[in-house]
Amino acid sequence: MNDKIFFSAADRQLEPYLTLAKFEKSLYANVLFGEGIVIPEIFIFISKHIEDHILRKSQKSFLESAIEGGYVIPSFRDPQKVDFNDALYVVKGEGNPSAAMIGIQDNAELVAQRLQLCTKNNSYKFETWSTTINFGEEYERVMTNFLLRDKMITLTDGDAFNKQELIKLWDSTREWRIEVIGSAISETKNIAGKGLRRGEIHNAVARKLKLPITKEVGDVRYLLSAVKGDRTLNELLRTFMEWVTECYHYNMSSCLGCIPNFPLFNSKNGLILASLLPERNQSPSSKLSYIEEEVNFPNVDTLRVIRGNELISIRNDYGHGFLAAKKTWQENPTSRNEENLRKVIREYSNELTTFIAEKYEISDTSLAKIIIGKGAPQDRKAVDEIFGIAKSTLSLITKSYSDPIISIGKSLFTVLGFWNKEPETYKVRIFTDKVETEISVPDKDT
């Protein structure tokens, strides 16, 4: 498993819930303060948010600059088709329109051409999908273990989730979970012989709603609009489709060896995240130790006017020392290393905000507000105090609590939080404990 985040925000199925501004905030924050992100090639071509972000101006977008710098890594399914234009040809059915994937954006060719130019940079990186892992089979297993079951998966005892609400939603969605997922698995096997396709879940939902099976069914917005007049049914379907998508992202991140990301955190129905969080009531000997940093983060409108290469240059310069300081402190969490980490994160955040304020004459970007703490308080109630470390392993999914099959050892992870405030804030928690993965948790009104 690598230290890159699976960038779930680029999935088209999240667009009904995730605005362009929220998408871009997640993009900026993950690149500037994280280790980098991985985007499956199909997301690049079906995401309206990516298309809008790239084609907003003729100048290079931040995403393009981050791809050039190797901080956004495209992941291609065909190891022989790692050119963006070739990859688009693959997802469009390789000359067979009936085999094309649903939802490809109108300007996908232009997006592919622009991104292909980014590959000429020496820092550009890409990955390819494993040829030994069947994503559909793994998705079926994840869905079976999380949703296709009578008894709800065990939740942790933390204060982050409303268990009673989750139990109520679990019981109310039973026919959707059992009937729809079961039907989708059967149809997938009829077509592909094995596994589960998310598209077949959409088709099964459409059949249940007595909707015609058209290309529109591939967009969750179409399904939700069909029941907008029934508030109760709309809520249940919305919740069910969120769970389906969470499982899909969790499976994709595991198959690609990335850190999972849950950009649609919801304290009332975040079932998958609730089942992955560790117990909050830990014994003193196992208490998490972390440093917490909160910085005032420039708002999206401000970041949009800044050249992507300039932001990347700040990340390459001051971010270089920041990442090194984080790893040093995690490897050896002494007071001296902690003090240095405080110093470096302050320098980095100050440089970022000062650069923007001075060069672009923007006055609403204040310097970093640093909050450092240690220990894991047990009584945090606010959503913006939630932290999550998901145990993203095959052994967890199968309810086996032996040593993780996928382990990245004693590594550093950052939980990213996004709050819709003025000035907007960006919170980072740096952990020392041995963990298997990390989750980015945005604010509750995302």
Protein backbone atom coordinates (compact mmCIF):
# COMPACT_ATOMS: atom_id res chain seq x y z
CA MET A 1 0.00 0.00 0.00
CA ASN A 2 1.36 3.42 -0.90
CA ASP A 3 0.89 6.70 0.95
CA LYS A 4 -1.32 8.34 -1.69
CA ILE A 5 -5.01 9.06 -1.15
CA PHE A 6 -7.69 7.60 -3.40
CA PHE A 7 -9.38 10.78 -4.63
CA SER A 8 -13.04 9.82 -4.26
CA ALA A 9 -14.19 13.40 -4.84
CA ALA A 10 -13.58 12.93 -8.57
CA ASP A 11 -16.30 10.28 -8.87
CA ARG A 12 -19.26 11.53 -10.91
CA GLN A 13 -21.68 9.76 -8.57
CA LEU A 14 -20.74 12.20 -5.79
CA GLU A 15 -21.65 15.29 -7.80
CA PRO A 16 -25.25 15.41 -6.50
CA TYR A 17 -23.80 15.84 -3.00
CA LEU A 18 -20.44 17.52 -3.59
CA THR A 19 -20.29 21.00 -5.13
CA LEU A 20 -17.50 22.10 -7.45
CA ALA A 21 -16.16 24.36 -4.68
CA LYS A 22 -16.00 21.46 -2.23
CA PHE A 23 -14.34 19.29 -4.85
CA GLU A 24 -11.70 21.92 -5.53
CA LYS A 25 -11.09 22.57 -1.84
CA SER A 26 -10.40 18.87 -1.36
CA LEU A 27 -8.08 18.88 -4.38
CA TYR A 28 -6.06 21.87 -3.20
CA ALA A 29 -5.79 20.68 0.40
CA ASN A 30 -4.84 17.09 -0.41
CA VAL A 31 -2.10 18.18 -2.81
CA LEU A 32 -0.70 21.07 -0.76
CA PHE A 33 -0.75 19.38 2.64
CA GLY A 34 -0.77 15.68 1.81
CA GLU A 35 1.41 13.08 0.14
CA GLY A 36 -0.55 13.21 -3.11
CA ILE A 37 -3.62 11.64 -4.69
CA VAL A 38 -4.46 8.85 -7.15
CA ILE A 39 -7.29 9.20 -9.70
CA PRO A 40 -8.55 6.26 -11.80
CA GLU A 41 -8.55 7.21 -15.47
CA ILE A 42 -12.30 6.68 -15.78
CA PHE A 43 -12.98 9.37 -13.15
CA ILE A 44 -10.99 11.84 -15.24
CA PHE A 45 -13.29 11.36 -18.21
CA ILE A 46 -16.66 11.15 -16.43
CA SER A 47 -16.19 13.89 -13.82
CA LYS A 48 -17.94 17.15 -14.64
CA HIS A 49 -16.01 18.75 -11.79
CA ILE A 50 -12.68 17.80 -13.36
CA GLU A 51 -13.84 19.04 -16.76
CA ASP A 52 -14.99 22.37 -15.31
CA HIS A 53 -11.81 22.78 -13.27
CA ILE A 54 -9.50 22.13 -16.23
CA LEU A 55 -11.43 24.01 -18.91
CA ARG A 56 -12.31 27.07 -16.84
CA LYS A 57 -9.41 28.95 -18.43
CA SER A 58 -6.92 28.40 -21.20
CA GLN A 59 -4.09 28.66 -18.69
CA LYS A 60 -2.90 25.51 -16.95
CA SER A 61 -5.18 24.46 -14.10
CA PHE A 62 -3.99 23.46 -10.64
CA LEU A 63 -4.85 19.83 -11.39
CA GLU A 64 -2.69 19.91 -14.51
CA SER A 65 0.19 21.46 -12.59
CA ALA A 66 -0.17 18.80 -9.89
CA ILE A 67 -0.13 16.04 -12.52
CA GLU A 68 3.01 17.51 -14.03
CA GLY A 69 4.64 17.58 -10.62
CA GLY A 70 3.71 14.00 -9.76
CA TYR A 71 1.37 14.95 -6.91
CA VAL A 72 -1.73 13.77 -8.78
CA ILE A 73 -1.15 10.30 -10.20
CA PRO A 74 -3.50 8.89 -12.85
CA SER A 75 -4.14 5.16 -12.61
CA PHE A 76 -4.74 3.30 -15.90
CA ARG A 77 -6.58 -0.01 -16.20
CA ASP A 78 -4.69 -1.17 -19.31
CA PRO A 79 -0.90 -1.32 -18.80
CA GLN A 80 -0.52 -1.04 -22.57
CA LYS A 81 -2.67 2.11 -22.79
CA VAL A 82 -1.10 4.68 -20.46
CA ASP A 83 -1.47 7.58 -22.88
CA PHE A 84 -4.50 9.73 -21.96
CA ASN A 85 -5.81 9.64 -25.50
CA ASP A 86 -5.42 5.86 -25.66
CA ALA A 87 -7.05 5.50 -22.25
CA LEU A 88 -10.03 7.51 -23.44
CA TYR A 89 -10.28 5.23 -26.46
CA VAL A 90 -10.41 2.24 -24.08
CA VAL A 91 -13.20 3.63 -21.87
CA LYS A 92 -15.14 4.64 -25.00
CA GLY A 93 -15.30 1.00 -26.01
CA GLU A 94 -12.30 0.84 -28.35
CA GLY A 95 -14.40 1.64 -31.37
CA ASN A 96 -17.53 -0.13 -30.15
CA PRO A 97 -20.00 2.52 -28.86
CA SER A 98 -22.18 -0.13 -27.21
CA ALA A 99 -19.21 -1.11 -25.01
CA ALA A 100 -18.44 2.46 -23.97
CA MET A 101 -18.64 3.38 -20.32
CA ILE A 102 -21.55 5.56 -19.35
CA GLY A 103 -21.17 9.23 -18.47
CA ILE A 104 -18.14 10.27 -20.49
CA GLN A 105 -18.12 14.07 -20.62
CA ASP A 106 -18.68 15.98 -23.86
CA ASN A 107 -15.24 17.58 -23.72
CA ALA A 108 -13.35 14.42 -22.74
CA GLU A 109 -11.17 14.59 -25.87
CA LEU A 110 -10.02 18.11 -25.03
CA VAL A 111 -9.35 17.13 -21.41
CA ALA A 112 -7.30 14.15 -22.61
CA GLN A 113 -5.25 16.33 -24.94
CA ARG A 114 -4.51 18.85 -22.19
CA LEU A 115 -3.50 16.18 -19.71
CA GLN A 116 -1.34 14.44 -22.29
CA LEU A 117 0.76 17.59 -22.49
CA CYS A 118 1.43 17.23 -18.76
CA THR A 119 3.11 13.87 -19.30
CA LYS A 120 6.11 15.54 -20.97
CA ASN A 121 7.32 16.77 -17.57
CA ASN A 122 10.04 14.63 -16.00
CA SER A 123 8.20 14.60 -12.65
CA TYR A 124 5.03 13.11 -14.14
CA LYS A 125 4.03 9.74 -12.66
CA PHE A 126 1.36 7.17 -13.41
CA GLU A 127 0.25 3.80 -12.10
CA THR A 128 -1.54 0.82 -13.63
CA TRP A 129 -4.17 -1.46 -12.20
CA SER A 130 -3.15 -4.82 -10.85
CA THR A 131 -3.60 -7.67 -13.31
CA THR A 132 -3.96 -10.19 -10.49
CA ILE A 133 -6.90 -8.52 -8.71
CA ASN A 134 -10.44 -8.78 -10.07
CA PHE A 135 -12.04 -5.50 -9.00
CA GLY A 136 -15.56 -6.84 -9.59
CA GLU A 137 -15.02 -9.87 -7.40
CA GLU A 138 -13.55 -7.72 -4.64
CA TYR A 139 -16.48 -5.31 -4.92
CA GLU A 140 -18.92 -8.17 -4.55
CA ARG A 141 -17.11 -9.31 -1.43
CA VAL A 142 -17.09 -5.83 0.08
CA MET A 143 -20.80 -5.33 -0.65
CA THR A 144 -21.64 -8.76 0.73
CA ASN A 145 -19.76 -8.14 3.96
CA PHE A 146 -21.00 -4.59 4.48
CA LEU A 147 -24.53 -4.46 3.07
CA LEU A 148 -25.84 -7.84 1.85
CA ARG A 149 -26.47 -9.19 5.34
CA ASP A 150 -29.27 -9.42 7.87
CA LYS A 151 -27.38 -8.03 10.85
CA MET A 152 -25.72 -4.64 10.58
CA ILE A 153 -21.94 -4.69 10.65
CA THR A 154 -20.48 -3.98 14.08
CA LEU A 155 -19.93 -0.29 14.79
CA THR A 156 -17.37 1.18 17.11
CA ASP A 157 -18.29 2.89 20.37
CA GLY A 158 -17.07 6.35 19.45
CA ASP A 159 -19.14 9.51 19.69
CA ALA A 160 -18.94 10.31 15.97
CA PHE A 161 -22.11 8.58 14.84
CA ASN A 162 -25.77 8.33 15.75
CA LYS A 163 -26.09 4.58 16.20
CA GLN A 164 -29.85 4.62 16.66
CA GLU A 165 -30.28 6.53 13.42
CA LEU A 166 -28.02 4.09 11.62
CA ILE A 167 -29.94 1.09 12.98
CA LYS A 168 -33.19 2.68 11.83
CA LEU A 169 -31.80 3.31 8.35
CA TRP A 170 -30.39 -0.21 8.23
CA ASP A 171 -33.77 -1.77 8.93
CA SER A 172 -35.57 0.60 6.54
CA THR A 173 -33.23 -0.18 3.65
CA ARG A 174 -33.43 -3.95 3.99
CA GLU A 175 -35.35 -4.58 0.76
CA TRP A 176 -32.98 -2.27 -1.12
CA ARG A 177 -29.90 -3.95 0.26
CA ILE A 178 -31.02 -7.56 -0.11
CA GLU A 179 -33.16 -7.38 -3.24
CA VAL A 180 -31.25 -4.79 -5.28
CA ILE A 181 -27.71 -5.96 -4.51
CA GLY A 182 -28.68 -9.59 -4.96
CA SER A 183 -30.24 -8.82 -8.33
CA ALA A 184 -27.19 -6.80 -9.43
CA ILE A 185 -24.83 -9.65 -8.53
CA SER A 186 -26.94 -12.12 -10.54
CA GLU A 187 -27.05 -9.83 -13.57
CA THR A 188 -23.31 -9.17 -13.41
CA LYS A 189 -22.63 -12.90 -13.38
CA ASN A 190 -24.93 -13.37 -16.38
CA ILE A 191 -22.93 -10.75 -18.29
CA ALA A 192 -19.37 -11.11 -17.02
CA GLY A 193 -19.42 -14.50 -15.34
CA LYS A 194 -18.33 -13.23 -11.92
CA GLY A 195 -18.12 -10.25 -9.61
CA LEU A 196 -20.33 -7.18 -9.28
CA ARG A 197 -20.58 -4.02 -11.36
CA ARG A 198 -21.81 -0.76 -9.87
CA GLY A 199 -23.69 -0.11 -13.11
CA GLU A 200 -25.75 -3.23 -12.50
CA ILE A 201 -26.75 -1.86 -9.10
CA HIS A 202 -28.08 1.24 -10.85
CA ASN A 203 -29.97 -0.97 -13.30
CA ALA A 204 -31.44 -3.00 -10.44
CA VAL A 205 -32.58 0.21 -8.72
CA ALA A 206 -34.20 1.33 -11.97
CA ARG A 207 -36.05 -1.98 -12.29
CA LYS A 208 -37.30 -1.69 -8.73
CA LEU A 209 -38.55 1.82 -9.48
CA LYS A 210 -40.04 0.57 -12.78
CA LEU A 211 -37.85 2.92 -14.81
CA PRO A 212 -36.67 2.14 -18.35
CA ILE A 213 -33.04 0.94 -18.53
CA THR A 214 -31.36 3.76 -20.43
CA LYS A 215 -27.96 5.42 -20.22
CA GLU A 216 -29.48 7.97 -17.84
CA VAL A 217 -29.82 5.23 -15.21
CA GLY A 218 -26.02 5.30 -14.83
CA ASP A 219 -26.29 8.68 -13.10
CA VAL A 220 -27.54 8.61 -9.51
CA ARG A 221 -29.15 12.03 -10.08
CA TYR A 222 -31.60 10.44 -12.50
CA LEU A 223 -32.56 7.77 -9.98
CA LEU A 224 -33.04 10.27 -7.17
CA SER A 225 -35.08 12.61 -9.36
CA ALA A 226 -37.49 9.76 -10.07
CA VAL A 227 -38.52 9.66 -6.39
CA LYS A 228 -38.18 13.33 -5.49
CA GLY A 229 -41.92 13.52 -4.82
CA ASP A 230 -41.72 10.88 -2.09
CA ARG A 231 -39.61 12.29 0.74
CA THR A 232 -39.30 9.03 2.68
CA LEU A 233 -38.38 6.97 -0.36
CA ASN A 234 -35.97 9.66 -1.57
CA GLU A 235 -34.16 9.62 1.79
CA LEU A 236 -33.89 5.83 1.81
CA LEU A 237 -32.64 5.67 -1.79
CA ARG A 238 -30.19 8.48 -1.19
CA THR A 239 -28.80 6.70 1.87
CA PHE A 240 -28.61 3.36 0.06
CA MET A 241 -26.78 4.89 -2.91
CA GLU A 242 -24.34 6.65 -0.57
CA TRP A 243 -23.54 3.30 1.05
CA VAL A 244 -23.12 1.70 -2.38
CA THR A 245 -20.71 4.47 -3.37
CA GLU A 246 -18.78 4.31 -0.09
CA CYS A 247 -18.28 0.58 -0.62
CA TYR A 248 -17.20 1.22 -4.20
CA HIS A 249 -14.59 3.77 -3.15
CA TYR A 250 -13.39 1.59 -0.29
CA ASN A 251 -12.97 -1.32 -2.67
CA MET A 252 -11.21 0.76 -5.33
CA SER A 253 -8.78 2.21 -2.80
CA SER A 254 -7.95 -1.27 -1.52
CA CYS A 255 -7.47 -2.70 -5.02
CA LEU A 256 -5.26 0.23 -6.04
CA GLY A 257 -3.31 0.09 -2.77
CA CYS A 258 -4.32 3.62 -1.74
CA ILE A 259 -5.58 5.30 1.39
CA PRO A 260 -9.42 5.47 1.30
CA ASN A 261 -11.17 8.81 1.36
CA PHE A 262 -14.75 9.50 2.44
CA PRO A 263 -15.64 13.01 1.24
CA LEU A 264 -19.34 12.60 2.10
CA PHE A 265 -18.98 12.11 5.83
CA ASN A 266 -22.36 12.24 7.54
CA SER A 267 -22.78 11.56 11.25
CA LYS A 268 -26.28 10.18 10.70
CA ASN A 269 -25.73 7.68 7.92
CA GLY A 270 -21.98 7.21 7.51
CA LEU A 271 -22.29 3.46 7.99
CA ILE A 272 -19.10 2.33 6.27
CA LEU A 273 -16.94 4.89 8.02
CA ALA A 274 -18.61 4.11 11.35
CA SER A 275 -17.70 0.46 11.02
CA LEU A 276 -14.08 1.23 10.14
CA LEU A 277 -13.27 3.65 12.93
CA PRO A 278 -11.29 2.27 15.86
CA GLU A 279 -12.76 2.19 19.33
CA ARG A 280 -12.67 5.63 20.93
CA ASN A 281 -12.61 4.36 24.52
CA GLN A 282 -9.09 3.05 24.44
CA SER A 283 -7.00 2.12 27.47
CA PRO A 284 -4.33 4.65 28.47
CA SER A 285 -1.60 2.35 27.20
CA SER A 286 -3.05 2.34 23.68
CA LYS A 287 -4.11 5.98 23.59
CA LEU A 288 -3.35 7.66 20.28
CA SER A 289 -0.70 10.33 20.35
CA TYR A 290 -0.91 13.09 17.81
CA ILE A 291 -0.11 16.66 16.95
CA GLU A 292 -3.00 18.77 15.75
CA GLU A 293 -2.53 21.71 13.42
CA GLU A 294 -5.26 24.10 12.32
CA VAL A 295 -4.49 26.68 9.67
CA ASN A 296 -6.52 29.36 7.96
CA PHE A 297 -6.80 28.11 4.41
CA PRO A 298 -7.41 30.48 1.46
CA ASN A 299 -10.93 30.15 0.11
CA VAL A 300 -11.53 28.49 -3.23
CA ASP A 301 -12.28 31.72 -5.08
CA THR A 302 -8.86 33.00 -4.03
CA LEU A 303 -7.04 29.82 -5.01
CA ARG A 304 -8.71 29.76 -8.43
CA VAL A 305 -6.94 32.94 -9.55
CA ILE A 306 -3.47 31.67 -8.64
CA ARG A 307 -1.37 29.91 -11.22
CA GLY A 308 -1.11 26.23 -10.42
CA ASN A 309 2.64 26.14 -11.01
CA GLU A 310 3.15 28.83 -8.38
CA LEU A 311 1.23 26.89 -5.76
CA ILE A 312 3.15 23.75 -6.65
CA SER A 313 6.43 25.67 -6.32
CA ILE A 314 5.46 26.65 -2.76
CA ARG A 315 4.57 23.04 -2.06
CA ASN A 316 7.90 21.86 -3.50
CA ASP A 317 9.85 24.40 -1.44
CA TYR A 318 8.28 24.73 2.00
CA GLY A 319 6.19 21.57 1.71
CA HIS A 320 9.39 19.58 1.23
CA GLY A 321 10.57 20.43 4.73
CA PHE A 322 7.08 20.00 6.14
CA LEU A 323 6.74 16.41 4.91
CA ALA A 324 10.25 15.54 6.08
CA ALA A 325 9.53 16.98 9.53
CA LYS A 326 6.31 14.98 9.78
CA LYS A 327 8.05 11.72 8.94
CA THR A 328 10.90 12.47 11.32
CA TRP A 329 8.55 13.17 14.22
CA GLN A 330 6.47 10.07 13.48
CA GLU A 331 9.55 7.87 13.36
CA ASN A 332 10.88 9.38 16.58
CA PRO A 333 8.26 11.49 18.44
CA THR A 334 10.61 13.35 20.76
CA SER A 335 9.90 16.82 22.08
CA ARG A 336 12.68 18.17 19.90
CA ASN A 337 11.19 16.70 16.73
CA GLU A 338 7.75 17.86 17.77
CA GLU A 339 9.05 21.38 18.27
CA ASN A 340 10.65 21.30 14.83
CA LEU A 341 7.41 20.08 13.27
CA ARG A 342 5.54 22.99 14.86
CA LYS A 343 8.09 25.37 13.43
CA VAL A 344 8.02 23.92 9.94
CA ILE A 345 4.23 23.71 9.60
CA ARG A 346 4.07 27.33 10.75
CA GLU A 347 6.63 28.36 8.16
CA TYR A 348 4.88 26.43 5.41
CA SER A 349 1.39 27.75 6.11
CA ASN A 350 2.68 31.28 6.63
CA GLU A 351 4.59 31.17 3.36
CA LEU A 352 1.55 29.92 1.49
CA THR A 353 -0.83 32.56 2.85
CA THR A 354 1.72 35.39 2.71
CA PHE A 355 2.67 34.57 -0.87
CA ILE A 356 -0.96 34.71 -1.94
CA ALA A 357 -1.69 37.89 -0.01
CA GLU A 358 1.34 39.79 -1.27
CA LYS A 359 1.57 38.65 -4.88
CA TYR A 360 -2.14 38.79 -5.60
CA GLU A 361 -2.94 41.68 -3.27
CA ILE A 362 -5.56 39.66 -1.45
CA SER A 363 -6.18 40.90 2.07
CA ASP A 364 -8.46 38.18 3.44
CA THR A 365 -5.78 35.52 3.75
CA SER A 366 -4.57 35.59 7.33
CA LEU A 367 -1.56 33.77 8.72
CA ALA A 368 -1.84 30.34 10.20
CA LYS A 369 -3.57 29.70 13.47
CA ILE A 370 -1.67 26.83 15.04
CA ILE A 371 -3.23 24.58 17.62
CA ILE A 372 -0.97 21.85 18.94
CA GLY A 373 -2.28 19.11 21.20
CA LYS A 374 -1.29 15.66 22.34
CA GLY A 375 -3.36 12.72 23.48
CA ALA A 376 -6.75 11.45 22.34
CA PRO A 377 -9.61 13.09 24.31
CA GLN A 378 -12.55 10.73 24.77
CA ASP A 379 -15.31 13.31 24.98
CA ARG A 380 -15.08 15.17 21.66
CA LYS A 381 -18.63 15.85 20.52
CA ALA A 382 -18.34 18.23 17.57
CA VAL A 383 -18.14 16.79 14.10
CA ASP A 384 -15.07 18.87 13.33
CA GLU A 385 -13.24 17.02 16.13
CA ILE A 386 -13.77 13.58 14.66
CA PHE A 387 -10.73 11.66 13.57
CA GLY A 388 -10.73 8.40 11.70
CA ILE A 389 -8.23 5.69 10.95
CA ALA A 390 -9.85 3.05 8.77
CA LYS A 391 -8.51 -0.47 8.87
CA SER A 392 -8.37 -0.89 5.11
CA THR A 393 -7.46 -4.56 4.95
CA LEU A 394 -8.91 -7.67 3.46
CA SER A 395 -8.81 -9.32 6.86
CA LEU A 396 -11.10 -6.66 8.29
CA ILE A 397 -13.65 -7.05 5.52
CA THR A 398 -13.85 -10.78 6.13
CA LYS A 399 -14.20 -10.20 9.87
CA SER A 400 -10.78 -11.66 10.57
CA TYR A 401 -8.86 -9.76 13.19
CA SER A 402 -5.51 -11.39 12.62
CA ASP A 403 -2.53 -9.40 11.38
CA PRO A 404 -3.55 -7.24 8.39
CA ILE A 405 -2.89 -8.74 4.99
CA ILE A 406 -2.04 -5.27 3.77
CA SER A 407 0.16 -3.42 6.22
CA ILE A 408 2.14 -0.29 5.79
CA GLY A 409 3.81 -0.51 9.15
CA LYS A 410 4.58 2.41 11.36
CA SER A 411 3.74 5.19 8.93
CA LEU A 412 2.53 8.75 9.09
CA PHE A 413 -1.00 9.65 8.22
CA THR A 414 -2.89 12.90 8.15
CA VAL A 415 -6.62 13.24 8.66
CA LEU A 416 -7.81 16.13 6.57
CA GLY A 417 -10.85 18.16 7.63
CA PHE A 418 -12.55 20.87 5.66
CA TRP A 419 -14.79 23.43 7.35
CA ASN A 420 -17.06 25.88 5.55
CA LYS A 421 -16.13 28.99 7.52
CA GLU A 422 -14.68 32.40 6.73
CA PRO A 423 -11.80 32.31 6.82
CA GLU A 424 -11.88 28.66 5.85
CA THR A 425 -9.77 26.39 8.01
CA TYR A 426 -7.84 23.27 7.25
CA LYS A 427 -7.09 20.84 10.04
CA VAL A 428 -4.34 18.24 10.06
CA ARG A 429 -3.82 15.52 12.64
CA ILE A 430 -0.49 13.72 12.59
CA PHE A 431 -0.49 10.30 14.26
CA THR A 432 2.34 8.22 15.67
CA ASP A 433 0.59 4.89 16.19
CA LYS A 434 0.86 1.96 13.80
CA VAL A 435 -2.20 2.17 11.59
CA GLU A 436 -3.35 0.71 8.29
CA THR A 437 -4.93 3.67 6.59
CA GLU A 438 -6.34 7.16 6.80
CA ILE A 439 -9.60 8.91 6.05
CA SER A 440 -10.25 12.48 4.99
CA VAL A 441 -13.29 13.77 6.85
CA PRO A 442 -14.98 16.95 5.61
CA ASP A 443 -17.53 19.04 7.45
CA LYS A 444 -21.04 17.79 8.10
CA ASP A 445 -22.74 20.14 5.65
CA THR A 446 -20.75 18.98 2.62
